[in-house]
Amino acid sequence: MNIEAEKAMIIEQVKTVNDTDLISAIKSMLDYARNRDQKSYDIPEAHQNLVMERFEKTRENPDGLLDWEEAKETLKNR
């Protein structure tokens, strides 16, 4: 079933709901989705530069990277 058909089916089902708690829960989910989609994150330039510097160091010395399992063991043993 495609998304438009699913939305139409949900809309029809919601039209028949009389439970105020269920309507409130649906409204809360829709509000959450709308707010989540509207959020934008401003990443400070200093943070962006730090990440780019770390990428560059990795490109210059890929052998300096640790395997994830090795890194976990190192952290556990501290």
C-alpha atoms as a PDB file:
ATOM      1  CA  MET A   1       0.000   0.000   0.000  1.00  0.00           C
ATOM      2  CA  ASN A   2       1.393   3.423  -0.879  1.00  0.00           C
ATOM      3  CA  ILE A   3       1.662   6.308   1.569  1.00  0.00           C
ATOM      4  CA  GLU A   4      -1.271   8.252   0.116  1.00  0.00           C
ATOM      5  CA  ALA A   5      -3.575   5.238   0.448  1.00  0.00           C
ATOM      6  CA  GLU A   6      -2.400   4.692   4.034  1.00  0.00           C
ATOM      7  CA  LYS A   7      -3.023   8.342   4.915  1.00  0.00           C
ATOM      8  CA  ALA A   8      -6.520   8.202   3.406  1.00  0.00           C
ATOM      9  CA  MET A   9      -7.295   5.052   5.383  1.00  0.00           C
ATOM     10  CA  ILE A  10      -6.058   6.624   8.635  1.00  0.00           C
ATOM     11  CA  ILE A  11      -8.065   9.803   8.017  1.00  0.00           C
ATOM     12  CA  GLU A  12     -11.232   7.781   7.516  1.00  0.00           C
ATOM     13  CA  GLN A  13     -10.591   5.840  10.719  1.00  0.00           C
ATOM     14  CA  VAL A  14      -9.911   9.029  12.711  1.00  0.00           C
ATOM     15  CA  LYS A  15     -13.213  10.517  11.500  1.00  0.00           C
ATOM     16  CA  THR A  16     -15.073   7.758  13.368  1.00  0.00           C
ATOM     17  CA  VAL A  17     -13.164   8.112  16.673  1.00  0.00           C
ATOM     18  CA  ASN A  18     -15.088   9.574  19.621  1.00  0.00           C
ATOM     19  CA  ASP A  19     -12.551   8.840  22.353  1.00  0.00           C
ATOM     20  CA  THR A  20     -11.145  12.195  23.509  1.00  0.00           C
ATOM     21  CA  ASP A  21      -7.995  10.562  24.919  1.00  0.00           C
ATOM     22  CA  LEU A  22      -7.270   8.894  21.581  1.00  0.00           C
ATOM     23  CA  ILE A  23      -7.855  12.156  19.692  1.00  0.00           C
ATOM     24  CA  SER A  24      -5.511  13.904  22.137  1.00  0.00           C
ATOM     25  CA  ALA A  25      -2.850  11.211  21.622  1.00  0.00           C
ATOM     26  CA  ILE A  26      -3.119  11.490  17.829  1.00  0.00           C
ATOM     27  CA  LYS A  27      -2.854  15.280  18.047  1.00  0.00           C
ATOM     28  CA  SER A  28       0.241  14.953  20.252  1.00  0.00           C
ATOM     29  CA  MET A  29       1.900  12.639  17.721  1.00  0.00           C
ATOM     30  CA  LEU A  30       1.123  15.026  14.867  1.00  0.00           C
ATOM     31  CA  ASP A  31       2.427  18.015  16.862  1.00  0.00           C
ATOM     32  CA  TYR A  32       5.610  16.094  17.674  1.00  0.00           C
ATOM     33  CA  ALA A  33       6.160  15.215  14.008  1.00  0.00           C
ATOM     34  CA  ARG A  34       5.540  18.793  12.889  1.00  0.00           C
ATOM     35  CA  ASN A  35       7.930  20.212  15.503  1.00  0.00           C
ATOM     36  CA  ARG A  36      10.606  17.621  14.702  1.00  0.00           C
ATOM     37  CA  ASP A  37      10.453  18.476  11.014  1.00  0.00           C
ATOM     38  CA  GLN A  38      10.736  22.217  11.698  1.00  0.00           C
ATOM     39  CA  LYS A  39      13.850  21.980  13.852  1.00  0.00           C
ATOM     40  CA  SER A  40      17.067  23.117  12.309  1.00  0.00           C
ATOM     41  CA  TYR A  41      20.378  22.861  14.002  1.00  0.00           C
ATOM     42  CA  ASP A  42      22.969  25.586  13.859  1.00  0.00           C
ATOM     43  CA  ILE A  43      26.383  24.046  14.258  1.00  0.00           C
ATOM     44  CA  PRO A  44      28.922  26.624  15.374  1.00  0.00           C
ATOM     45  CA  GLU A  45      31.699  27.263  12.891  1.00  0.00           C
ATOM     46  CA  ALA A  46      34.313  26.335  15.504  1.00  0.00           C
ATOM     47  CA  HIS A  47      32.756  22.859  15.814  1.00  0.00           C
ATOM     48  CA  GLN A  48      32.618  22.472  12.042  1.00  0.00           C
ATOM     49  CA  ASN A  49      36.287  23.432  11.809  1.00  0.00           C
ATOM     50  CA  LEU A  50      37.229  20.946  14.526  1.00  0.00           C
ATOM     51  CA  VAL A  51      35.490  18.113  12.672  1.00  0.00           C
ATOM     52  CA  MET A  52      37.148  19.081   9.393  1.00  0.00           C
ATOM     53  CA  GLU A  53      40.577  19.146  11.097  1.00  0.00           C
ATOM     54  CA  ARG A  54      39.963  15.652  12.474  1.00  0.00           C
ATOM     55  CA  PHE A  55      38.899  14.385   9.038  1.00  0.00           C
ATOM     56  CA  GLU A  56      42.065  15.824   7.550  1.00  0.00           C
ATOM     57  CA  LYS A  57      44.243  14.150  10.220  1.00  0.00           C
ATOM     58  CA  THR A  58      42.495  10.860   9.456  1.00  0.00           C
ATOM     59  CA  ARG A  59      43.113  11.255   5.732  1.00  0.00           C
ATOM     60  CA  GLU A  60      46.791  12.013   6.384  1.00  0.00           C
ATOM     61  CA  ASN A  61      47.282   9.080   8.751  1.00  0.00           C
ATOM     62  CA  PRO A  62      44.630   6.362   8.297  1.00  0.00           C
ATOM     63  CA  ASP A  63      46.868   3.862  10.129  1.00  0.00           C
ATOM     64  CA  GLY A  64      46.397   5.889  13.307  1.00  0.00           C
ATOM     65  CA  LEU A  65      42.771   4.794  13.573  1.00  0.00           C
ATOM     66  CA  LEU A  66      41.787   2.064  16.008  1.00  0.00           C
ATOM     67  CA  ASP A  67      39.494  -0.829  15.288  1.00  0.00           C
ATOM     68  CA  TRP A  68      36.229  -0.402  17.205  1.00  0.00           C
ATOM     69  CA  GLU A  69      36.729  -3.604  19.213  1.00  0.00           C
ATOM     70  CA  GLU A  70      40.277  -2.521  20.069  1.00  0.00           C
ATOM     71  CA  ALA A  71      39.044   0.915  21.151  1.00  0.00           C
ATOM     72  CA  LYS A  72      36.348  -0.619  23.390  1.00  0.00           C
ATOM     73  CA  GLU A  73      38.921  -2.840  25.101  1.00  0.00           C
ATOM     74  CA  THR A  74      41.252   0.111  25.624  1.00  0.00           C
ATOM     75  CA  LEU A  75      38.445   2.101  27.256  1.00  0.00           C
ATOM     76  CA  LYS A  76      37.338  -0.835  29.429  1.00  0.00           C
ATOM     77  CA  ASN A  77      40.854  -1.304  30.762  1.00  0.00           C
ATOM     78  CA  ARG A  78      41.260   2.303  31.922  1.00  0.00           C
END
